[in-house]
Amino acid sequence: MIIGNVNDNREAIVQLVVLGSRQQQQEIQAVIDTGYTGFLTLPPAIVTSLALTWYARQEGILGDGSLCIFDVYEASIIWDGQARIIEVDESQTDPLVGMGLIEGYQLQIQGIFGGLVTIAALP
């Protein structure tokens, strides 16, 4: 189970560990974004510091309807206690957890400041 909380900006936040290509680790705080269909976004500085492996370039549609081109990288994260290889979209935003990562899990959010956020595997 992944556990987080709701911050004072009303964002559901979880902490994740991202593993770099040389097994270096970085703990990040990521906002859960149910409108994002990918797995995880990371800013360029984190992608560079972890020396993530470039995978592809993809188009994406942002929340405002505009089209954007993303560099996509491969990374390992610790998810529900296990290492998991995922695609990471490089973006000039705070890290975001998308529905690709939450697929197969149940997301619960207590909609109050400091509220509990849980992500638990579905049976």
PDB file of N, CA and C in Angstrom:
ATOM      1  N   MET A   1       0.847  -1.172   0.000  1.00  0.00           N
ATOM      2  CA  MET A   1       0.000   0.000   0.000  1.00  0.00           C
ATOM      3  C   MET A   1       0.896   1.240   0.000  1.00  0.00           C
ATOM      4  N   ILE A   2       0.481   2.238  -0.743  1.00  0.00           N
ATOM      5  CA  ILE A   2       1.167   3.518  -0.789  1.00  0.00           C
ATOM      6  C   ILE A   2       0.326   4.491   0.027  1.00  0.00           C
ATOM      7  N   ILE A   3       0.967   5.232   0.902  1.00  0.00           N
ATOM      8  CA  ILE A   3       0.246   6.151   1.786  1.00  0.00           C
ATOM      9  C   ILE A   3       0.791   7.560   1.603  1.00  0.00           C
ATOM     10  N   GLY A   4      -0.112   8.528   1.538  1.00  0.00           N
ATOM     11  CA  GLY A   4       0.264   9.930   1.430  1.00  0.00           C
ATOM     12  C   GLY A   4      -0.713  10.784   2.203  1.00  0.00           C
ATOM     13  N   ASN A   5      -0.750  12.080   1.838  1.00  0.00           N
ATOM     14  CA  ASN A   5      -1.683  12.979   2.502  1.00  0.00           C
ATOM     15  C   ASN A   5      -2.107  14.106   1.565  1.00  0.00           C
ATOM     16  N   VAL A   6      -3.087  14.862   2.010  1.00  0.00           N
ATOM     17  CA  VAL A   6      -3.572  16.030   1.276  1.00  0.00           C
ATOM     18  C   VAL A   6      -2.852  17.244   1.846  1.00  0.00           C
ATOM     19  N   ASN A   7      -2.197  18.029   0.973  1.00  0.00           N
ATOM     20  CA  ASN A   7      -1.453  19.196   1.451  1.00  0.00           C
ATOM     21  C   ASN A   7      -2.344  20.428   1.558  1.00  0.00           C
ATOM     22  N   ASP A   8      -1.751  21.547   1.958  1.00  0.00           N
ATOM     23  CA  ASP A   8      -2.540  22.767   2.146  1.00  0.00           C
ATOM     24  C   ASP A   8      -2.998  23.403   0.835  1.00  0.00           C
ATOM     25  N   ASN A   9      -2.513  22.889  -0.308  1.00  0.00           N
ATOM     26  CA  ASN A   9      -3.010  23.320  -1.622  1.00  0.00           C
ATOM     27  C   ASN A   9      -4.112  22.401  -2.137  1.00  0.00           C
ATOM     28  N   ARG A  10      -4.597  21.505  -1.267  1.00  0.00           N
ATOM     29  CA  ARG A  10      -5.647  20.531  -1.606  1.00  0.00           C
ATOM     30  C   ARG A  10      -5.177  19.512  -2.647  1.00  0.00           C
ATOM     31  N   GLU A  11      -3.896  19.205  -2.672  1.00  0.00           N
ATOM     32  CA  GLU A  11      -3.339  18.222  -3.588  1.00  0.00           C
ATOM     33  C   GLU A  11      -3.086  16.918  -2.839  1.00  0.00           C
ATOM     34  N   ALA A  12      -3.429  15.799  -3.478  1.00  0.00           N
ATOM     35  CA  ALA A  12      -3.126  14.478  -2.924  1.00  0.00           C
ATOM     36  C   ALA A  12      -1.685  14.158  -3.277  1.00  0.00           C
ATOM     37  N   ILE A  13      -0.855  13.956  -2.255  1.00  0.00           N
ATOM     38  CA  ILE A  13       0.587  13.790  -2.424  1.00  0.00           C
ATOM     39  C   ILE A  13       1.016  12.415  -1.923  1.00  0.00           C
ATOM     40  N   VAL A  14       1.914  11.771  -2.680  1.00  0.00           N
ATOM     41  CA  VAL A  14       2.565  10.538  -2.217  1.00  0.00           C
ATOM     42  C   VAL A  14       4.068  10.691  -2.409  1.00  0.00           C
ATOM     43  N   GLN A  15       4.837   9.973  -1.597  1.00  0.00           N
ATOM     44  CA  GLN A  15       6.287   9.963  -1.749  1.00  0.00           C
ATOM     45  C   GLN A  15       6.693   8.682  -2.455  1.00  0.00           C
ATOM     46  N   LEU A  16       7.598   8.829  -3.411  1.00  0.00           N
ATOM     47  CA  LEU A  16       8.103   7.696  -4.173  1.00  0.00           C
ATOM     48  C   LEU A  16       9.624   7.740  -4.199  1.00  0.00           C
ATOM     49  N   VAL A  17      10.225   6.594  -4.389  1.00  0.00           N
ATOM     50  CA  VAL A  17      11.657   6.514  -4.612  1.00  0.00           C
ATOM     51  C   VAL A  17      11.868   6.149  -6.074  1.00  0.00           C
ATOM     52  N   VAL A  18      12.642   7.002  -6.778  1.00  0.00           N
ATOM     53  CA  VAL A  18      12.979   6.758  -8.179  1.00  0.00           C
ATOM     54  C   VAL A  18      14.435   6.306  -8.214  1.00  0.00           C
ATOM     55  N   LEU A  19      14.683   5.232  -8.967  1.00  0.00           N
ATOM     56  CA  LEU A  19      16.032   4.684  -9.088  1.00  0.00           C
ATOM     57  C   LEU A  19      16.626   5.109 -10.421  1.00  0.00           C
ATOM     58  N   GLY A  20      17.863   5.591 -10.390  1.00  0.00           N
ATOM     59  CA  GLY A  20      18.533   6.026 -11.599  1.00  0.00           C
ATOM     60  C   GLY A  20      19.209   4.878 -12.328  1.00  0.00           C
ATOM     61  N   SER A  21      19.795   5.198 -13.465  1.00  0.00           N
ATOM     62  CA  SER A  21      20.424   4.179 -14.297  1.00  0.00           C
ATOM     63  C   SER A  21      21.668   3.574 -13.642  1.00  0.00           C
ATOM     64  N   ARG A  22      22.242   4.282 -12.666  1.00  0.00           N
ATOM     65  CA  ARG A  22      23.396   3.758 -11.938  1.00  0.00           C
ATOM     66  C   ARG A  22      23.014   3.349 -10.517  1.00  0.00           C
ATOM     67  N   GLN A  23      21.730   3.020 -10.325  1.00  0.00           N
ATOM     68  CA  GLN A  23      21.165   2.587  -9.051  1.00  0.00           C
ATOM     69  C   GLN A  23      21.170   3.675  -7.975  1.00  0.00           C
ATOM     70  N   GLN A  24      21.405   4.939  -8.356  1.00  0.00           N
ATOM     71  CA  GLN A  24      21.241   6.012  -7.392  1.00  0.00           C
ATOM     72  C   GLN A  24      19.752   6.197  -7.126  1.00  0.00           C
ATOM     73  N   GLN A  25      19.410   6.718  -5.956  1.00  0.00           N
ATOM     74  CA  GLN A  25      18.012   6.853  -5.570  1.00  0.00           C
ATOM     75  C   GLN A  25      17.687   8.298  -5.258  1.00  0.00           C
ATOM     76  N   GLN A  26      16.453   8.679  -5.571  1.00  0.00           N
ATOM     77  CA  GLN A  26      15.968  10.001  -5.179  1.00  0.00           C
ATOM     78  C   GLN A  26      14.525   9.873  -4.726  1.00  0.00           C
ATOM     79  N   GLU A  27      14.271  10.369  -3.536  1.00  0.00           N
ATOM     80  CA  GLU A  27      12.898  10.389  -3.034  1.00  0.00           C
ATOM     81  C   GLU A  27      12.225  11.651  -3.552  1.00  0.00           C
ATOM     82  N   ILE A  28      11.022  11.491  -4.063  1.00  0.00           N
ATOM     83  CA  ILE A  28      10.271  12.629  -4.591  1.00  0.00           C
ATOM     84  C   ILE A  28       8.881  12.652  -3.971  1.00  0.00           C
ATOM     85  N   GLN A  29       8.289  13.832  -3.956  1.00  0.00           N
ATOM     86  CA  GLN A  29       6.876  13.977  -3.628  1.00  0.00           C
ATOM     87  C   GLN A  29       6.153  14.235  -4.935  1.00  0.00           C
ATOM     88  N   ALA A  30       5.106  13.471  -5.187  1.00  0.00           N
ATOM     89  CA  ALA A  30       4.373  13.602  -6.442  1.00  0.00           C
ATOM     90  C   ALA A  30       2.897  13.838  -6.170  1.00  0.00           C
ATOM     91  N   VAL A  31       2.308  14.692  -6.984  1.00  0.00           N
ATOM     92  CA  VAL A  31       0.875  14.989  -6.913  1.00  0.00           C
ATOM     93  C   VAL A  31       0.135  13.955  -7.742  1.00  0.00           C
ATOM     94  N   ILE A  32      -0.947  13.421  -7.210  1.00  0.00           N
ATOM     95  CA  ILE A  32      -1.780  12.493  -7.975  1.00  0.00           C
ATOM     96  C   ILE A  32      -2.659  13.306  -8.913  1.00  0.00           C
ATOM     97  N   ASP A  33      -2.594  12.980 -10.203  1.00  0.00           N
ATOM     98  CA  ASP A  33      -3.341  13.697 -11.237  1.00  0.00           C
ATOM     99  C   ASP A  33      -4.164  12.674 -12.021  1.00  0.00           C
ATOM    100  N   THR A  34      -5.447  12.546 -11.686  1.00  0.00           N
ATOM    101  CA  THR A  34      -6.293  11.547 -12.340  1.00  0.00           C
ATOM    102  C   THR A  34      -6.624  11.912 -13.783  1.00  0.00           C
ATOM    103  N   GLY A  35      -6.309  13.125 -14.204  1.00  0.00           N
ATOM    104  CA  GLY A  35      -6.498  13.511 -15.600  1.00  0.00           C
ATOM    105  C   GLY A  35      -5.301  13.184 -16.475  1.00  0.00           C
ATOM    106  N   TYR A  36      -4.219  12.744 -15.859  1.00  0.00           N
ATOM    107  CA  TYR A  36      -2.994  12.383 -16.574  1.00  0.00           C
ATOM    108  C   TYR A  36      -3.004  10.872 -16.777  1.00  0.00           C
ATOM    109  N   THR A  37      -2.943  10.437 -18.029  1.00  0.00           N
ATOM    110  CA  THR A  37      -3.062   9.008 -18.335  1.00  0.00           C
ATOM    111  C   THR A  37      -1.739   8.260 -18.309  1.00  0.00           C
ATOM    112  N   GLY A  38      -0.621   8.976 -18.238  1.00  0.00           N
ATOM    113  CA  GLY A  38       0.686   8.338 -18.191  1.00  0.00           C
ATOM    114  C   GLY A  38       1.002   7.794 -16.805  1.00  0.00           C
ATOM    115  N   PHE A  39       2.272   7.480 -16.583  1.00  0.00           N
ATOM    116  CA  PHE A  39       2.711   6.892 -15.321  1.00  0.00           C
ATOM    117  C   PHE A  39       3.223   7.955 -14.353  1.00  0.00           C
ATOM    118  N   LEU A  40       4.267   8.684 -14.754  1.00  0.00           N
ATOM    119  CA  LEU A  40       4.924   9.636 -13.861  1.00  0.00           C
ATOM    120  C   LEU A  40       5.569  10.726 -14.692  1.00  0.00           C
ATOM    121  N   THR A  41       5.490  11.972 -14.230  1.00  0.00           N
ATOM    122  CA  THR A  41       6.266  13.050 -14.828  1.00  0.00           C
ATOM    123  C   THR A  41       7.365  13.434 -13.856  1.00  0.00           C
ATOM    124  N   LEU A  42       8.502  13.828 -14.410  1.00  0.00           N
ATOM    125  CA  LEU A  42       9.602  14.353 -13.615  1.00  0.00           C
ATOM    126  C   LEU A  42      10.183  15.566 -14.331  1.00  0.00           C
ATOM    127  N   PRO A  43      10.644  16.555 -13.566  1.00  0.00           N
ATOM    128  CA  PRO A  43      11.283  17.712 -14.203  1.00  0.00           C
ATOM    129  C   PRO A  43      12.656  17.351 -14.749  1.00  0.00           C
ATOM    130  N   PRO A  44      13.143  18.125 -15.723  1.00  0.00           N
ATOM    131  CA  PRO A  44      14.432  17.827 -16.351  1.00  0.00           C
ATOM    132  C   PRO A  44      15.587  17.669 -15.362  1.00  0.00           C
ATOM    133  N   ALA A  45      15.625  18.458 -14.303  1.00  0.00           N
ATOM    134  CA  ALA A  45      16.738  18.378 -13.349  1.00  0.00           C
ATOM    135  C   ALA A  45      16.817  16.991 -12.699  1.00  0.00           C
ATOM    136  N   ILE A  46      15.683  16.397 -12.378  1.00  0.00           N
ATOM    137  CA  ILE A  46      15.679  15.064 -11.764  1.00  0.00           C
ATOM    138  C   ILE A  46      16.036  14.013 -12.806  1.00  0.00           C
ATOM    139  N   VAL A  47      15.503  14.141 -14.015  1.00  0.00           N
ATOM    140  CA  VAL A  47      15.838  13.204 -15.103  1.00  0.00           C
ATOM    141  C   VAL A  47      17.348  13.188 -15.322  1.00  0.00           C
ATOM    142  N   THR A  48      17.954  14.372 -15.337  1.00  0.00           N
ATOM    143  CA  THR A  48      19.403  14.485 -15.556  1.00  0.00           C
ATOM    144  C   THR A  48      20.187  13.920 -14.373  1.00  0.00           C
ATOM    145  N   SER A  49      19.791  14.286 -13.151  1.00  0.00           N
ATOM    146  CA  SER A  49      20.557  13.838 -11.985  1.00  0.00           C
ATOM    147  C   SER A  49      20.522  12.320 -11.818  1.00  0.00           C
ATOM    148  N   LEU A  50      19.444  11.685 -12.268  1.00  0.00           N
ATOM    149  CA  LEU A  50      19.339  10.227 -12.182  1.00  0.00           C
ATOM    150  C   LEU A  50      19.866   9.528 -13.432  1.00  0.00           C
ATOM    151  N   ALA A  51      20.250  10.308 -14.440  1.00  0.00           N
ATOM    152  CA  ALA A  51      20.764   9.759 -15.705  1.00  0.00           C
ATOM    153  C   ALA A  51      19.813   8.707 -16.270  1.00  0.00           C
ATOM    154  N   LEU A  52      18.520   9.070 -16.330  1.00  0.00           N
ATOM    155  CA  LEU A  52      17.530   8.124 -16.851  1.00  0.00           C
ATOM    156  C   LEU A  52      17.780   7.841 -18.329  1.00  0.00           C
ATOM    157  N   THR A  53      17.403   6.657 -18.757  1.00  0.00           N
ATOM    158  CA  THR A  53      17.606   6.220 -20.131  1.00  0.00           C
ATOM    159  C   THR A  53      16.479   6.740 -21.018  1.00  0.00           C
ATOM    160  N   TRP A  54      16.867   7.486 -22.074  1.00  0.00           N
ATOM    161  CA  TRP A  54      15.878   8.013 -23.009  1.00  0.00           C
ATOM    162  C   TRP A  54      15.224   6.855 -23.744  1.00  0.00           C
ATOM    163  N   TYR A  55      13.909   6.944 -23.927  1.00  0.00           N
ATOM    164  CA  TYR A  55      13.137   5.862 -24.529  1.00  0.00           C
ATOM    165  C   TYR A  55      12.510   6.284 -25.853  1.00  0.00           C
ATOM    166  N   ALA A  56      11.831   7.427 -25.865  1.00  0.00           N
ATOM    167  CA  ALA A  56      11.111   7.858 -27.069  1.00  0.00           C
ATOM    168  C   ALA A  56      10.658   9.304 -26.898  1.00  0.00           C
ATOM    169  N   ARG A  57      10.036   9.807 -27.934  1.00  0.00           N
ATOM    170  CA  ARG A  57       9.391  11.122 -27.908  1.00  0.00           C
ATOM    171  C   ARG A  57       7.925  10.889 -28.254  1.00  0.00           C
ATOM    172  N   GLN A  58       7.024  11.456 -27.440  1.00  0.00           N
ATOM    173  CA  GLN A  58       5.594  11.230 -27.649  1.00  0.00           C
ATOM    174  C   GLN A  58       4.821  12.542 -27.573  1.00  0.00           C
ATOM    175  N   GLU A  59       3.684  12.550 -28.261  1.00  0.00           N
ATOM    176  CA  GLU A  59       2.774  13.685 -28.167  1.00  0.00           C
ATOM    177  C   GLU A  59       1.802  13.454 -27.022  1.00  0.00           C
ATOM    178  N   GLY A  60       1.410  14.538 -26.387  1.00  0.00           N
ATOM    179  CA  GLY A  60       0.402  14.464 -25.341  1.00  0.00           C
ATOM    180  C   GLY A  60      -0.477  15.686 -25.384  1.00  0.00           C
ATOM    181  N   ILE A  61      -1.701  15.531 -24.925  1.00  0.00           N
ATOM    182  CA  ILE A  61      -2.632  16.651 -24.854  1.00  0.00           C
ATOM    183  C   ILE A  61      -2.729  17.084 -23.402  1.00  0.00           C
ATOM    184  N   LEU A  62      -2.451  18.357 -23.151  1.00  0.00           N
ATOM    185  CA  LEU A  62      -2.491  18.899 -21.803  1.00  0.00           C
ATOM    186  C   LEU A  62      -3.928  19.198 -21.383  1.00  0.00           C
ATOM    187  N   GLY A  63      -4.097  19.501 -20.104  1.00  0.00           N
ATOM    188  CA  GLY A  63      -5.422  19.783 -19.563  1.00  0.00           C
ATOM    189  C   GLY A  63      -6.137  20.932 -20.243  1.00  0.00           C
ATOM    190  N   ASP A  64      -5.368  21.879 -20.794  1.00  0.00           N
ATOM    191  CA  ASP A  64      -5.990  23.010 -21.491  1.00  0.00           C
ATOM    192  C   ASP A  64      -6.280  22.709 -22.953  1.00  0.00           C
ATOM    193  N   GLY A  65      -6.021  21.465 -23.374  1.00  0.00           N
ATOM    194  CA  GLY A  65      -6.293  21.049 -24.741  1.00  0.00           C
ATOM    195  C   GLY A  65      -5.134  21.249 -25.707  1.00  0.00           C
ATOM    196  N   SER A  66      -4.057  21.883 -25.258  1.00  0.00           N
ATOM    197  CA  SER A  66      -2.920  22.107 -26.147  1.00  0.00           C
ATOM    198  C   SER A  66      -2.089  20.835 -26.315  1.00  0.00           C
ATOM    199  N   LEU A  67      -1.421  20.751 -27.448  1.00  0.00           N
ATOM    200  CA  LEU A  67      -0.580  19.601 -27.776  1.00  0.00           C
ATOM    201  C   LEU A  67       0.846  19.887 -27.330  1.00  0.00           C
ATOM    202  N   CYS A  68       1.491  18.889 -26.757  1.00  0.00           N
ATOM    203  CA  CYS A  68       2.859  19.035 -26.277  1.00  0.00           C
ATOM    204  C   CYS A  68       3.657  17.788 -26.667  1.00  0.00           C
ATOM    205  N   ILE A  69       4.939  17.976 -26.913  1.00  0.00           N
ATOM    206  CA  ILE A  69       5.838  16.858 -27.208  1.00  0.00           C
ATOM    207  C   ILE A  69       6.664  16.590 -25.947  1.00  0.00           C
ATOM    208  N   PHE A  70       6.683  15.337 -25.504  1.00  0.00           N
ATOM    209  CA  PHE A  70       7.415  14.941 -24.304  1.00  0.00           C
ATOM    210  C   PHE A  70       8.552  14.002 -24.670  1.00  0.00           C
ATOM    211  N   ASP A  71       9.696  14.189 -24.024  1.00  0.00           N
ATOM    212  CA  ASP A  71      10.725  13.161 -24.042  1.00  0.00           C
ATOM    213  C   ASP A  71      10.328  12.144 -22.980  1.00  0.00           C
ATOM    214  N   VAL A  72      10.407  10.875 -23.339  1.00  0.00           N
ATOM    215  CA  VAL A  72      10.004   9.798 -22.447  1.00  0.00           C
ATOM    216  C   VAL A  72      11.248   8.998 -22.074  1.00  0.00           C
ATOM    217  N   TYR A  73      11.369   8.698 -20.799  1.00  0.00           N
ATOM    218  CA  TYR A  73      12.515   7.968 -20.269  1.00  0.00           C
ATOM    219  C   TYR A  73      12.036   6.707 -19.567  1.00  0.00           C
ATOM    220  N   GLU A  74      12.945   5.790 -19.380  1.00  0.00           N
ATOM    221  CA  GLU A  74      12.661   4.582 -18.613  1.00  0.00           C
ATOM    222  C   GLU A  74      13.275   4.756 -17.227  1.00  0.00           C
ATOM    223  N   ALA A  75      12.517   4.382 -16.203  1.00  0.00           N
ATOM    224  CA  ALA A  75      13.017   4.463 -14.831  1.00  0.00           C
ATOM    225  C   ALA A  75      12.439   3.321 -14.025  1.00  0.00           C
ATOM    226  N   SER A  76      13.091   3.032 -12.936  1.00  0.00           N
ATOM    227  CA  SER A  76      12.546   2.105 -11.951  1.00  0.00           C
ATOM    228  C   SER A  76      12.110   2.923 -10.750  1.00  0.00           C
ATOM    229  N   ILE A  77      10.994   2.532 -10.174  1.00  0.00           N
ATOM    230  CA  ILE A  77      10.524   3.161  -8.941  1.00  0.00           C
ATOM    231  C   ILE A  77      10.209   2.061  -7.940  1.00  0.00           C
ATOM    232  N   ILE A  78      10.137   2.441  -6.697  1.00  0.00           N
ATOM    233  CA  ILE A  78       9.634   1.526  -5.683  1.00  0.00           C
ATOM    234  C   ILE A  78       8.149   1.823  -5.559  1.00  0.00           C
ATOM    235  N   TRP A  79       7.337   0.843  -5.908  1.00  0.00           N
ATOM    236  CA  TRP A  79       5.878   0.999  -5.917  1.00  0.00           C
ATOM    237  C   TRP A  79       5.284  -0.170  -5.145  1.00  0.00           C
ATOM    238  N   ASP A  80       4.587   0.132  -4.089  1.00  0.00           N
ATOM    239  CA  ASP A  80       3.959  -0.887  -3.256  1.00  0.00           C
ATOM    240  C   ASP A  80       5.000  -1.910  -2.776  1.00  0.00           C
ATOM    241  N   GLY A  81       6.190  -1.381  -2.419  1.00  0.00           N
ATOM    242  CA  GLY A  81       7.247  -2.216  -1.865  1.00  0.00           C
ATOM    243  C   GLY A  81       8.083  -2.978  -2.867  1.00  0.00           C
ATOM    244  N   GLN A  82       7.784  -2.845  -4.163  1.00  0.00           N
ATOM    245  CA  GLN A  82       8.495  -3.593  -5.206  1.00  0.00           C
ATOM    246  C   GLN A  82       9.087  -2.633  -6.241  1.00  0.00           C
ATOM    247  N   ALA A  83      10.228  -3.010  -6.809  1.00  0.00           N
ATOM    248  CA  ALA A  83      10.783  -2.242  -7.920  1.00  0.00           C
ATOM    249  C   ALA A  83       9.911  -2.469  -9.154  1.00  0.00           C
ATOM    250  N   ARG A  84       9.630  -1.392  -9.859  1.00  0.00           N
ATOM    251  CA  ARG A  84       8.765  -1.469 -11.041  1.00  0.00           C
ATOM    252  C   ARG A  84       9.349  -0.563 -12.120  1.00  0.00           C
ATOM    253  N   ILE A  85       9.500  -1.076 -13.333  1.00  0.00           N
ATOM    254  CA  ILE A  85      10.000  -0.288 -14.451  1.00  0.00           C
ATOM    255  C   ILE A  85       8.823   0.416 -15.119  1.00  0.00           C
ATOM    256  N   ILE A  86       8.948   1.727 -15.293  1.00  0.00           N
ATOM    257  CA  ILE A  86       7.866   2.529 -15.867  1.00  0.00           C
ATOM    258  C   ILE A  86       8.428   3.530 -16.861  1.00  0.00           C
ATOM    259  N   GLU A  87       7.519   4.154 -17.608  1.00  0.00           N
ATOM    260  CA  GLU A  87       7.853   5.281 -18.475  1.00  0.00           C
ATOM    261  C   GLU A  87       7.684   6.566 -17.677  1.00  0.00           C
ATOM    262  N   VAL A  88       8.628   7.480 -17.868  1.00  0.00           N
ATOM    263  CA  VAL A  88       8.592   8.786 -17.216  1.00  0.00           C
ATOM    264  C   VAL A  88       8.554   9.856 -18.294  1.00  0.00           C
ATOM    265  N   ASP A  89       7.568  10.730 -18.227  1.00  0.00           N
ATOM    266  CA  ASP A  89       7.480  11.863 -19.146  1.00  0.00           C
ATOM    267  C   ASP A  89       8.215  13.042 -18.516  1.00  0.00           C
ATOM    268  N   GLU A  90       9.175  13.598 -19.262  1.00  0.00           N
ATOM    269  CA  GLU A  90       9.885  14.772 -18.769  1.00  0.00           C
ATOM    270  C   GLU A  90       8.992  15.999 -18.955  1.00  0.00           C
ATOM    271  N   SER A  91       8.800  16.771 -17.886  1.00  0.00           N
ATOM    272  CA  SER A  91       7.915  17.925 -17.953  1.00  0.00           C
ATOM    273  C   SER A  91       8.361  18.983 -16.947  1.00  0.00           C
ATOM    274  N   GLN A  92       8.201  20.225 -17.324  1.00  0.00           N
ATOM    275  CA  GLN A  92       8.575  21.355 -16.456  1.00  0.00           C
ATOM    276  C   GLN A  92       7.507  21.589 -15.387  1.00  0.00           C
ATOM    277  N   THR A  93       7.114  20.557 -14.690  1.00  0.00           N
ATOM    278  CA  THR A  93       6.118  20.659 -13.626  1.00  0.00           C
ATOM    279  C   THR A  93       6.629  19.915 -12.402  1.00  0.00           C
ATOM    280  N   ASP A  94       5.903  20.064 -11.320  1.00  0.00           N
ATOM    281  CA  ASP A  94       6.168  19.209 -10.166  1.00  0.00           C
ATOM    282  C   ASP A  94       5.871  17.777 -10.590  1.00  0.00           C
ATOM    283  N   PRO A  95       6.520  16.792  -9.971  1.00  0.00           N
ATOM    284  CA  PRO A  95       6.233  15.401 -10.332  1.00  0.00           C
ATOM    285  C   PRO A  95       4.741  15.076 -10.191  1.00  0.00           C
ATOM    286  N   LEU A  96       4.224  14.337 -11.172  1.00  0.00           N
ATOM    287  CA  LEU A  96       2.823  13.916 -11.171  1.00  0.00           C
ATOM    288  C   LEU A  96       2.748  12.404 -11.295  1.00  0.00           C
ATOM    289  N   VAL A  97       1.854  11.792 -10.518  1.00  0.00           N
ATOM    290  CA  VAL A  97       1.510  10.378 -10.658  1.00  0.00           C
ATOM    291  C   VAL A  97       0.239  10.322 -11.483  1.00  0.00           C
ATOM    292  N   GLY A  98       0.270   9.546 -12.559  1.00  0.00           N
ATOM    293  CA  GLY A  98      -0.890   9.436 -13.435  1.00  0.00           C
ATOM    294  C   GLY A  98      -1.609   8.113 -13.291  1.00  0.00           C
ATOM    295  N   MET A  99      -2.680   7.984 -14.043  1.00  0.00           N
ATOM    296  CA  MET A  99      -3.533   6.802 -13.972  1.00  0.00           C
ATOM    297  C   MET A  99      -2.830   5.545 -14.473  1.00  0.00           C
ATOM    298  N   GLY A 100      -1.808   5.679 -15.320  1.00  0.00           N
ATOM    299  CA  GLY A 100      -1.042   4.512 -15.753  1.00  0.00           C
ATOM    300  C   GLY A 100      -0.397   3.800 -14.581  1.00  0.00           C
ATOM    301  N   LEU A 101       0.049   4.566 -13.594  1.00  0.00           N
ATOM    302  CA  LEU A 101       0.685   3.988 -12.411  1.00  0.00           C
ATOM    303  C   LEU A 101      -0.348   3.438 -11.435  1.00  0.00           C
ATOM    304  N   ILE A 102      -1.517   4.054 -11.402  1.00  0.00           N
ATOM    305  CA  ILE A 102      -2.558   3.656 -10.452  1.00  0.00           C
ATOM    306  C   ILE A 102      -3.404   2.490 -10.981  1.00  0.00           C
ATOM    307  N   GLU A 103      -3.283   2.168 -12.265  1.00  0.00           N
ATOM    308  CA  GLU A 103      -4.073   1.073 -12.838  1.00  0.00           C
ATOM    309  C   GLU A 103      -3.889  -0.207 -12.020  1.00  0.00           C
ATOM    310  N   GLY A 104      -4.997  -0.838 -11.672  1.00  0.00           N
ATOM    311  CA  GLY A 104      -4.962  -2.058 -10.864  1.00  0.00           C
ATOM    312  C   GLY A 104      -4.965  -1.786  -9.369  1.00  0.00           C
ATOM    313  N   TYR A 105      -5.117  -0.532  -9.010  1.00  0.00           N
ATOM    314  CA  TYR A 105      -5.114  -0.112  -7.610  1.00  0.00           C
ATOM    315  C   TYR A 105      -6.371   0.683  -7.296  1.00  0.00           C
ATOM    316  N   GLN A 106      -6.680   0.770  -6.019  1.00  0.00           N
ATOM    317  CA  GLN A 106      -7.786   1.599  -5.553  1.00  0.00           C
ATOM    318  C   GLN A 106      -7.200   2.830  -4.893  1.00  0.00           C
ATOM    319  N   LEU A 107      -7.649   4.012  -5.325  1.00  0.00           N
ATOM    320  CA  LEU A 107      -7.201   5.286  -4.774  1.00  0.00           C
ATOM    321  C   LEU A 107      -8.290   5.827  -3.860  1.00  0.00           C
ATOM    322  N   GLN A 108      -7.906   6.157  -2.623  1.00  0.00           N
ATOM    323  CA  GLN A 108      -8.837   6.789  -1.690  1.00  0.00           C
ATOM    324  C   GLN A 108      -8.196   8.062  -1.163  1.00  0.00           C
ATOM    325  N   ILE A 109      -8.984   9.134  -1.142  1.00  0.00           N
ATOM    326  CA  ILE A 109      -8.501  10.433  -0.678  1.00  0.00           C
ATOM    327  C   ILE A 109      -9.494  11.002   0.314  1.00  0.00           C
ATOM    328  N   GLN A 110      -9.017  11.348   1.503  1.00  0.00           N
ATOM    329  CA  GLN A 110      -9.832  12.095   2.454  1.00  0.00           C
ATOM    330  C   GLN A 110      -9.668  13.566   2.095  1.00  0.00           C
ATOM    331  N   GLY A 111     -10.734  14.180   1.609  1.00  0.00           N
ATOM    332  CA  GLY A 111     -10.669  15.535   1.054  1.00  0.00           C
ATOM    333  C   GLY A 111     -10.618  16.634   2.084  1.00  0.00           C
ATOM    334  N   ILE A 112      -9.654  16.572   3.007  1.00  0.00           N
ATOM    335  CA  ILE A 112      -9.435  17.617   3.997  1.00  0.00           C
ATOM    336  C   ILE A 112      -7.930  17.836   4.130  1.00  0.00           C
ATOM    337  N   PHE A 113      -7.535  19.024   4.621  1.00  0.00           N
ATOM    338  CA  PHE A 113      -6.118  19.289   4.840  1.00  0.00           C
ATOM    339  C   PHE A 113      -5.545  18.221   5.773  1.00  0.00           C
ATOM    340  N   GLY A 114      -4.459  17.595   5.351  1.00  0.00           N
ATOM    341  CA  GLY A 114      -3.846  16.542   6.137  1.00  0.00           C
ATOM    342  C   GLY A 114      -4.537  15.196   5.986  1.00  0.00           C
ATOM    343  N   GLY A 115      -5.574  15.143   5.142  1.00  0.00           N
ATOM    344  CA  GLY A 115      -6.323  13.898   4.950  1.00  0.00           C
ATOM    345  C   GLY A 115      -5.456  12.785   4.417  1.00  0.00           C
ATOM    346  N   LEU A 116      -5.859  11.572   4.701  1.00  0.00           N
ATOM    347  CA  LEU A 116      -5.117  10.392   4.305  1.00  0.00           C
ATOM    348  C   LEU A 116      -5.352  10.071   2.828  1.00  0.00           C
ATOM    349  N   VAL A 117      -4.273   9.737   2.136  1.00  0.00           N
ATOM    350  CA  VAL A 117      -4.321   9.269   0.751  1.00  0.00           C
ATOM    351  C   VAL A 117      -3.783   7.845   0.770  1.00  0.00           C
ATOM    352  N   THR A 118      -4.579   6.900   0.251  1.00  0.00           N
ATOM    353  CA  THR A 118      -4.102   5.511   0.187  1.00  0.00           C
ATOM    354  C   THR A 118      -4.285   4.978  -1.229  1.00  0.00           C
ATOM    355  N   ILE A 119      -3.306   4.206  -1.643  1.00  0.00           N
ATOM    356  CA  ILE A 119      -3.354   3.510  -2.937  1.00  0.00           C
ATOM    357  C   ILE A 119      -3.089   2.058  -2.625  1.00  0.00           C
ATOM    358  N   ALA A 120      -4.109   1.226  -2.801  1.00  0.00           N
ATOM    359  CA  ALA A 120      -4.001  -0.195  -2.422  1.00  0.00           C
ATOM    360  C   ALA A 120      -4.309  -1.066  -3.625  1.00  0.00           C
ATOM    361  N   ALA A 121      -3.550  -2.156  -3.741  1.00  0.00           N
ATOM    362  CA  ALA A 121      -3.756  -3.090  -4.852  1.00  0.00           C
ATOM    363  C   ALA A 121      -5.162  -3.673  -4.816  1.00  0.00           C
ATOM    364  N   LEU A 122      -5.789  -3.751  -5.972  1.00  0.00           N
ATOM    365  CA  LEU A 122      -7.095  -4.406  -6.076  1.00  0.00           C
ATOM    366  C   LEU A 122      -6.896  -5.918  -6.027  1.00  0.00           C
ATOM    367  N   PRO A 123      -7.880  -6.638  -5.490  1.00  0.00           N
ATOM    368  CA  PRO A 123      -7.741  -8.098  -5.410  1.00  0.00           C
ATOM    369  C   PRO A 123      -7.741  -8.742  -6.795  1.00  0.00           C
TER     370      PRO A 123
END
